[in-house]
Amino acid sequence: MNKQRTDWYDYLTNPAATKNPKQFSVTFERDQNGNFTVAGHQARMLKKVGRQEKWVRVRARDLVKVLNESEIIAK
């Protein structure tokens, strides 16, 4: 993500940004009812620029919105 002001949802659904695989690190919390919650400030994406790699924060709400709209496959 180039600009901090850009909406993460727009970035995560942008076809130009999704052409290459992305790696995410997310911490989930499960409550007593079995519902999952993404812990705030614990959602990160591995940003690769050339040979450099850096974990950057992703807005958890936008990431969960994209996850809800997509098909999740276990590998």
PDB file of N, CA and C in Angstrom:
ATOM      1  N   MET A   1       0.849  -1.173   0.000  1.00  0.00           N
ATOM      2  CA  MET A   1       0.000   0.000   0.000  1.00  0.00           C
ATOM      3  C   MET A   1       0.889   1.229   0.000  1.00  0.00           C
ATOM      4  N   ASN A   2       0.689   2.086  -0.955  1.00  0.00           N
ATOM      5  CA  ASN A   2       1.577   3.227  -1.111  1.00  0.00           C
ATOM      6  C   ASN A   2       1.223   4.392  -0.194  1.00  0.00           C
ATOM      7  N   LYS A   3      -0.038   4.717  -0.077  1.00  0.00           N
ATOM      8  CA  LYS A   3      -0.451   5.871   0.713  1.00  0.00           C
ATOM      9  C   LYS A   3      -1.167   5.401   1.965  1.00  0.00           C
ATOM     10  N   GLN A   4      -0.857   6.031   3.081  1.00  0.00           N
ATOM     11  CA  GLN A   4      -1.514   5.667   4.336  1.00  0.00           C
ATOM     12  C   GLN A   4      -3.001   6.029   4.312  1.00  0.00           C
ATOM     13  N   ARG A   5      -3.370   7.027   3.532  1.00  0.00           N
ATOM     14  CA  ARG A   5      -4.763   7.474   3.506  1.00  0.00           C
ATOM     15  C   ARG A   5      -5.653   6.597   2.630  1.00  0.00           C
ATOM     16  N   THR A   6      -5.081   5.741   1.824  1.00  0.00           N
ATOM     17  CA  THR A   6      -5.861   4.862   0.964  1.00  0.00           C
ATOM     18  C   THR A   6      -6.610   3.849   1.820  1.00  0.00           C
ATOM     19  N   ASP A   7      -7.849   3.591   1.472  1.00  0.00           N
ATOM     20  CA  ASP A   7      -8.671   2.645   2.218  1.00  0.00           C
ATOM     21  C   ASP A   7      -8.146   1.234   1.994  1.00  0.00           C
ATOM     22  N   TRP A   8      -7.948   0.485   3.071  1.00  0.00           N
ATOM     23  CA  TRP A   8      -7.428  -0.877   2.966  1.00  0.00           C
ATOM     24  C   TRP A   8      -8.391  -1.768   2.187  1.00  0.00           C
ATOM     25  N   TYR A   9      -9.682  -1.570   2.334  1.00  0.00           N
ATOM     26  CA  TYR A   9     -10.643  -2.402   1.599  1.00  0.00           C
ATOM     27  C   TYR A   9     -10.438  -2.229   0.103  1.00  0.00           C
ATOM     28  N   ASP A  10     -10.285  -0.987  -0.337  1.00  0.00           N
ATOM     29  CA  ASP A  10     -10.055  -0.734  -1.763  1.00  0.00           C
ATOM     30  C   ASP A  10      -8.761  -1.387  -2.228  1.00  0.00           C
ATOM     31  N   TYR A  11      -7.725  -1.317  -1.402  1.00  0.00           N
ATOM     32  CA  TYR A  11      -6.451  -1.931  -1.763  1.00  0.00           C
ATOM     33  C   TYR A  11      -6.567  -3.453  -1.841  1.00  0.00           C
ATOM     34  N   LEU A  12      -7.235  -4.063  -0.857  1.00  0.00           N
ATOM     35  CA  LEU A  12      -7.335  -5.521  -0.811  1.00  0.00           C
ATOM     36  C   LEU A  12      -8.220  -6.098  -1.914  1.00  0.00           C
ATOM     37  N   THR A  13      -9.105  -5.307  -2.485  1.00  0.00           N
ATOM     38  CA  THR A  13      -9.970  -5.773  -3.564  1.00  0.00           C
ATOM     39  C   THR A  13      -9.527  -5.266  -4.931  1.00  0.00           C
ATOM     40  N   ASN A  14      -8.483  -4.467  -4.999  1.00  0.00           N
ATOM     41  CA  ASN A  14      -7.973  -3.920  -6.251  1.00  0.00           C
ATOM     42  C   ASN A  14      -7.333  -5.041  -7.076  1.00  0.00           C
ATOM     43  N   PRO A  15      -7.784  -5.264  -8.311  1.00  0.00           N
ATOM     44  CA  PRO A  15      -7.202  -6.333  -9.135  1.00  0.00           C
ATOM     45  C   PRO A  15      -5.702  -6.178  -9.361  1.00  0.00           C
ATOM     46  N   ALA A  16      -5.201  -4.958  -9.446  1.00  0.00           N
ATOM     47  CA  ALA A  16      -3.767  -4.756  -9.641  1.00  0.00           C
ATOM     48  C   ALA A  16      -2.975  -5.179  -8.402  1.00  0.00           C
ATOM     49  N   ALA A  17      -3.566  -5.032  -7.225  1.00  0.00           N
ATOM     50  CA  ALA A  17      -2.883  -5.404  -5.983  1.00  0.00           C
ATOM     51  C   ALA A  17      -3.037  -6.884  -5.666  1.00  0.00           C
ATOM     52  N   THR A  18      -4.034  -7.529  -6.252  1.00  0.00           N
ATOM     53  CA  THR A  18      -4.286  -8.938  -5.941  1.00  0.00           C
ATOM     54  C   THR A  18      -3.691  -9.897  -6.968  1.00  0.00           C
ATOM     55  N   LYS A  19      -2.977  -9.377  -7.959  1.00  0.00           N
ATOM     56  CA  LYS A  19      -2.411 -10.273  -8.982  1.00  0.00           C
ATOM     57  C   LYS A  19      -1.298 -11.150  -8.416  1.00  0.00           C
ATOM     58  N   ASN A  20      -0.608 -10.680  -7.395  1.00  0.00           N
ATOM     59  CA  ASN A  20       0.432 -11.463  -6.737  1.00  0.00           C
ATOM     60  C   ASN A  20      -0.074 -11.936  -5.374  1.00  0.00           C
ATOM     61  N   PRO A  21       0.319 -13.138  -4.957  1.00  0.00           N
ATOM     62  CA  PRO A  21      -0.129 -13.637  -3.653  1.00  0.00           C
ATOM     63  C   PRO A  21       0.362 -12.736  -2.517  1.00  0.00           C
ATOM     64  N   LYS A  22      -0.457 -12.610  -1.509  1.00  0.00           N
ATOM     65  CA  LYS A  22      -0.113 -11.830  -0.329  1.00  0.00           C
ATOM     66  C   LYS A  22      -0.146 -12.752   0.881  1.00  0.00           C
ATOM     67  N   GLN A  23       0.695 -12.469   1.850  1.00  0.00           N
ATOM     68  CA  GLN A  23       0.741 -13.252   3.082  1.00  0.00           C
ATOM     69  C   GLN A  23       0.266 -12.365   4.225  1.00  0.00           C
ATOM     70  N   PHE A  24      -0.663 -12.917   5.034  1.00  0.00           N
ATOM     71  CA  PHE A  24      -1.231 -12.177   6.145  1.00  0.00           C
ATOM     72  C   PHE A  24      -0.993 -12.910   7.455  1.00  0.00           C
ATOM     73  N   SER A  25      -0.921 -12.152   8.518  1.00  0.00           N
ATOM     74  CA  SER A  25      -0.824 -12.696   9.863  1.00  0.00           C
ATOM     75  C   SER A  25      -1.956 -12.060  10.671  1.00  0.00           C
ATOM     76  N   VAL A  26      -2.863 -12.905  11.171  1.00  0.00           N
ATOM     77  CA  VAL A  26      -4.032 -12.410  11.878  1.00  0.00           C
ATOM     78  C   VAL A  26      -4.184 -13.187  13.180  1.00  0.00           C
ATOM     79  N   THR A  27      -4.517 -12.490  14.246  1.00  0.00           N
ATOM     80  CA  THR A  27      -4.792 -13.134  15.526  1.00  0.00           C
ATOM     81  C   THR A  27      -6.296 -13.146  15.741  1.00  0.00           C
ATOM     82  N   PHE A  28      -6.849 -14.363  15.893  1.00  0.00           N
ATOM     83  CA  PHE A  28      -8.273 -14.517  16.145  1.00  0.00           C
ATOM     84  C   PHE A  28      -8.498 -14.805  17.617  1.00  0.00           C
ATOM     85  N   GLU A  29      -9.603 -14.294  18.149  1.00  0.00           N
ATOM     86  CA  GLU A  29     -10.048 -14.626  19.497  1.00  0.00           C
ATOM     87  C   GLU A  29     -11.405 -15.306  19.361  1.00  0.00           C
ATOM     88  N   ARG A  30     -11.617 -16.331  20.146  1.00  0.00           N
ATOM     89  CA  ARG A  30     -12.891 -17.051  20.102  1.00  0.00           C
ATOM     90  C   ARG A  30     -13.599 -16.880  21.436  1.00  0.00           C
ATOM     91  N   ASP A  31     -14.872 -16.474  21.396  1.00  0.00           N
ATOM     92  CA  ASP A  31     -15.612 -16.274  22.634  1.00  0.00           C
ATOM     93  C   ASP A  31     -16.313 -17.563  23.060  1.00  0.00           C
ATOM     94  N   GLN A  32     -17.029 -17.499  24.162  1.00  0.00           N
ATOM     95  CA  GLN A  32     -17.674 -18.695  24.713  1.00  0.00           C
ATOM     96  C   GLN A  32     -18.791 -19.227  23.838  1.00  0.00           C
ATOM     97  N   ASN A  33     -19.312 -18.401  22.925  1.00  0.00           N
ATOM     98  CA  ASN A  33     -20.372 -18.842  22.008  1.00  0.00           C
ATOM     99  C   ASN A  33     -19.806 -19.454  20.728  1.00  0.00           C
ATOM    100  N   GLY A  34     -18.490 -19.420  20.570  1.00  0.00           N
ATOM    101  CA  GLY A  34     -17.865 -19.989  19.386  1.00  0.00           C
ATOM    102  C   GLY A  34     -17.651 -18.993  18.269  1.00  0.00           C
ATOM    103  N   ASN A  35     -17.941 -17.710  18.505  1.00  0.00           N
ATOM    104  CA  ASN A  35     -17.748 -16.675  17.489  1.00  0.00           C
ATOM    105  C   ASN A  35     -16.296 -16.206  17.488  1.00  0.00           C
ATOM    106  N   PHE A  36     -15.786 -15.933  16.293  1.00  0.00           N
ATOM    107  CA  PHE A  36     -14.413 -15.475  16.153  1.00  0.00           C
ATOM    108  C   PHE A  36     -14.373 -13.962  15.992  1.00  0.00           C
ATOM    109  N   THR A  37     -13.347 -13.352  16.559  1.00  0.00           N
ATOM    110  CA  THR A  37     -13.106 -11.920  16.450  1.00  0.00           C
ATOM    111  C   THR A  37     -11.638 -11.728  16.084  1.00  0.00           C
ATOM    112  N   VAL A  38     -11.384 -10.811  15.151  1.00  0.00           N
ATOM    113  CA  VAL A  38     -10.001 -10.477  14.813  1.00  0.00           C
ATOM    114  C   VAL A  38      -9.526  -9.443  15.821  1.00  0.00           C
ATOM    115  N   ALA A  39      -8.414  -9.734  16.478  1.00  0.00           N
ATOM    116  CA  ALA A  39      -7.854  -8.816  17.468  1.00  0.00           C
ATOM    117  C   ALA A  39      -7.337  -7.574  16.753  1.00  0.00           C
ATOM    118  N   GLY A  40      -7.754  -6.418  17.227  1.00  0.00           N
ATOM    119  CA  GLY A  40      -7.315  -5.154  16.634  1.00  0.00           C
ATOM    120  C   GLY A  40      -5.813  -4.975  16.752  1.00  0.00           C
ATOM    121  N   HIS A  41      -5.219  -4.348  15.795  1.00  0.00           N
ATOM    122  CA  HIS A  41      -3.786  -4.086  15.703  1.00  0.00           C
ATOM    123  C   HIS A  41      -2.959  -5.364  15.610  1.00  0.00           C
ATOM    124  N   GLN A  42      -3.595  -6.489  15.354  1.00  0.00           N
ATOM    125  CA  GLN A  42      -2.869  -7.739  15.192  1.00  0.00           C
ATOM    126  C   GLN A  42      -2.973  -8.270  13.763  1.00  0.00           C
ATOM    127  N   ALA A  43      -3.639  -7.545  12.883  1.00  0.00           N
ATOM    128  CA  ALA A  43      -3.756  -7.940  11.478  1.00  0.00           C
ATOM    129  C   ALA A  43      -2.620  -7.280  10.702  1.00  0.00           C
ATOM    130  N   ARG A  44      -1.814  -8.101  10.051  1.00  0.00           N
ATOM    131  CA  ARG A  44      -0.649  -7.588   9.330  1.00  0.00           C
ATOM    132  C   ARG A  44      -0.524  -8.266   7.964  1.00  0.00           C
ATOM    133  N   MET A  45       0.121  -7.548   7.036  1.00  0.00           N
ATOM    134  CA  MET A  45       0.389  -8.067   5.706  1.00  0.00           C
ATOM    135  C   MET A  45       1.880  -7.938   5.444  1.00  0.00           C
ATOM    136  N   LEU A  46       2.457  -8.957   4.824  1.00  0.00           N
ATOM    137  CA  LEU A  46       3.875  -8.922   4.474  1.00  0.00           C
ATOM    138  C   LEU A  46       4.024  -8.142   3.179  1.00  0.00           C
ATOM    139  N   LYS A  47       4.639  -6.974   3.282  1.00  0.00           N
ATOM    140  CA  LYS A  47       4.843  -6.105   2.125  1.00  0.00           C
ATOM    141  C   LYS A  47       6.228  -6.385   1.559  1.00  0.00           C
ATOM    142  N   LYS A  48       6.273  -6.752   0.287  1.00  0.00           N
ATOM    143  CA  LYS A  48       7.539  -7.059  -0.372  1.00  0.00           C
ATOM    144  C   LYS A  48       7.821  -5.995  -1.425  1.00  0.00           C
ATOM    145  N   VAL A  49       8.982  -5.366  -1.300  1.00  0.00           N
ATOM    146  CA  VAL A  49       9.447  -4.388  -2.278  1.00  0.00           C
ATOM    147  C   VAL A  49      10.853  -4.796  -2.658  1.00  0.00           C
ATOM    148  N   GLY A  50      10.990  -5.339  -3.855  1.00  0.00           N
ATOM    149  CA  GLY A  50      12.288  -5.854  -4.267  1.00  0.00           C
ATOM    150  C   GLY A  50      12.673  -7.032  -3.392  1.00  0.00           C
ATOM    151  N   ARG A  51      13.825  -6.937  -2.752  1.00  0.00           N
ATOM    152  CA  ARG A  51      14.261  -7.992  -1.846  1.00  0.00           C
ATOM    153  C   ARG A  51      13.907  -7.695  -0.396  1.00  0.00           C
ATOM    154  N   GLN A  52      13.336  -6.544  -0.147  1.00  0.00           N
ATOM    155  CA  GLN A  52      12.992  -6.167   1.218  1.00  0.00           C
ATOM    156  C   GLN A  52      11.589  -6.631   1.563  1.00  0.00           C
ATOM    157  N   GLU A  53      11.440  -7.103   2.792  1.00  0.00           N
ATOM    158  CA  GLU A  53      10.134  -7.528   3.300  1.00  0.00           C
ATOM    159  C   GLU A  53       9.873  -6.821   4.620  1.00  0.00           C
ATOM    160  N   LYS A  54       8.620  -6.407   4.808  1.00  0.00           N
ATOM    161  CA  LYS A  54       8.274  -5.675   6.018  1.00  0.00           C
ATOM    162  C   LYS A  54       6.810  -5.970   6.359  1.00  0.00           C
ATOM    163  N   TRP A  55       6.529  -6.247   7.631  1.00  0.00           N
ATOM    164  CA  TRP A  55       5.153  -6.459   8.072  1.00  0.00           C
ATOM    165  C   TRP A  55       4.513  -5.097   8.331  1.00  0.00           C
ATOM    166  N   VAL A  56       3.378  -4.851   7.671  1.00  0.00           N
ATOM    167  CA  VAL A  56       2.654  -3.593   7.853  1.00  0.00           C
ATOM    168  C   VAL A  56       1.269  -3.895   8.418  1.00  0.00           C
ATOM    169  N   ARG A  57       0.757  -2.973   9.213  1.00  0.00           N
ATOM    170  CA  ARG A  57      -0.577  -3.151   9.789  1.00  0.00           C
ATOM    171  C   ARG A  57      -1.645  -2.998   8.713  1.00  0.00           C
ATOM    172  N   VAL A  58      -2.660  -3.820   8.839  1.00  0.00           N
ATOM    173  CA  VAL A  58      -3.830  -3.749   7.965  1.00  0.00           C
ATOM    174  C   VAL A  58      -5.014  -3.443   8.858  1.00  0.00           C
ATOM    175  N   ARG A  59      -5.918  -2.616   8.386  1.00  0.00           N
ATOM    176  CA  ARG A  59      -7.119  -2.326   9.177  1.00  0.00           C
ATOM    177  C   ARG A  59      -7.932  -3.612   9.280  1.00  0.00           C
ATOM    178  N   ALA A  60      -8.114  -4.080  10.514  1.00  0.00           N
ATOM    179  CA  ALA A  60      -8.746  -5.378  10.758  1.00  0.00           C
ATOM    180  C   ALA A  60     -10.165  -5.436  10.195  1.00  0.00           C
ATOM    181  N   ARG A  61     -10.917  -4.383  10.307  1.00  0.00           N
ATOM    182  CA  ARG A  61     -12.303  -4.381   9.809  1.00  0.00           C
ATOM    183  C   ARG A  61     -12.355  -4.569   8.300  1.00  0.00           C
ATOM    184  N   ASP A  62     -11.441  -3.923   7.584  1.00  0.00           N
ATOM    185  CA  ASP A  62     -11.412  -4.063   6.129  1.00  0.00           C
ATOM    186  C   ASP A  62     -10.978  -5.470   5.727  1.00  0.00           C
ATOM    187  N   LEU A  63     -10.011  -6.033   6.449  1.00  0.00           N
ATOM    188  CA  LEU A  63      -9.562  -7.388   6.141  1.00  0.00           C
ATOM    189  C   LEU A  63     -10.680  -8.398   6.387  1.00  0.00           C
ATOM    190  N   VAL A  64     -11.417  -8.252   7.476  1.00  0.00           N
ATOM    191  CA  VAL A  64     -12.528  -9.162   7.771  1.00  0.00           C
ATOM    192  C   VAL A  64     -13.633  -9.019   6.727  1.00  0.00           C
ATOM    193  N   LYS A  65     -13.875  -7.807   6.266  1.00  0.00           N
ATOM    194  CA  LYS A  65     -14.887  -7.592   5.225  1.00  0.00           C
ATOM    195  C   LYS A  65     -14.513  -8.331   3.942  1.00  0.00           C
ATOM    196  N   VAL A  66     -13.238  -8.278   3.563  1.00  0.00           N
ATOM    197  CA  VAL A  66     -12.765  -8.977   2.374  1.00  0.00           C
ATOM    198  C   VAL A  66     -12.842 -10.489   2.597  1.00  0.00           C
ATOM    199  N   LEU A  67     -12.480 -10.959   3.804  1.00  0.00           N
ATOM    200  CA  LEU A  67     -12.569 -12.389   4.098  1.00  0.00           C
ATOM    201  C   LEU A  67     -14.014 -12.892   4.024  1.00  0.00           C
ATOM    202  N   ASN A  68     -14.953 -12.106   4.506  1.00  0.00           N
ATOM    203  CA  ASN A  68     -16.365 -12.501   4.452  1.00  0.00           C
ATOM    204  C   ASN A  68     -16.874 -12.591   3.028  1.00  0.00           C
ATOM    205  N   GLU A  69     -16.334 -11.762   2.149  1.00  0.00           N
ATOM    206  CA  GLU A  69     -16.785 -11.744   0.755  1.00  0.00           C
ATOM    207  C   GLU A  69     -16.063 -12.761  -0.124  1.00  0.00           C
ATOM    208  N   SER A  70     -15.011 -13.384   0.388  1.00  0.00           N
ATOM    209  CA  SER A  70     -14.243 -14.304  -0.436  1.00  0.00           C
ATOM    210  C   SER A  70     -14.385 -15.730   0.052  1.00  0.00           C
ATOM    211  N   GLU A  71     -13.945 -16.638  -0.790  1.00  0.00           N
ATOM    212  CA  GLU A  71     -13.965 -18.056  -0.446  1.00  0.00           C
ATOM    213  C   GLU A  71     -12.631 -18.394   0.220  1.00  0.00           C
ATOM    214  N   ILE A  72     -12.694 -19.013   1.384  1.00  0.00           N
ATOM    215  CA  ILE A  72     -11.490 -19.379   2.107  1.00  0.00           C
ATOM    216  C   ILE A  72     -11.240 -20.870   1.914  1.00  0.00           C
ATOM    217  N   ILE A  73     -10.020 -21.196   1.489  1.00  0.00           N
ATOM    218  CA  ILE A  73      -9.653 -22.590   1.219  1.00  0.00           C
ATOM    219  C   ILE A  73      -8.473 -22.957   2.112  1.00  0.00           C
ATOM    220  N   ALA A  74      -8.567 -24.075   2.791  1.00  0.00           N
ATOM    221  CA  ALA A  74      -7.453 -24.559   3.611  1.00  0.00           C
ATOM    222  C   ALA A  74      -6.507 -25.362   2.743  1.00  0.00           C
ATOM    223  N   LYS A  75      -5.217 -25.102   2.867  1.00  0.00           N
ATOM    224  CA  LYS A  75      -4.213 -25.825   2.078  1.00  0.00           C
ATOM    225  C   LYS A  75      -3.330 -26.633   2.993  1.00  0.00           C
TER     226      LYS A  75
END
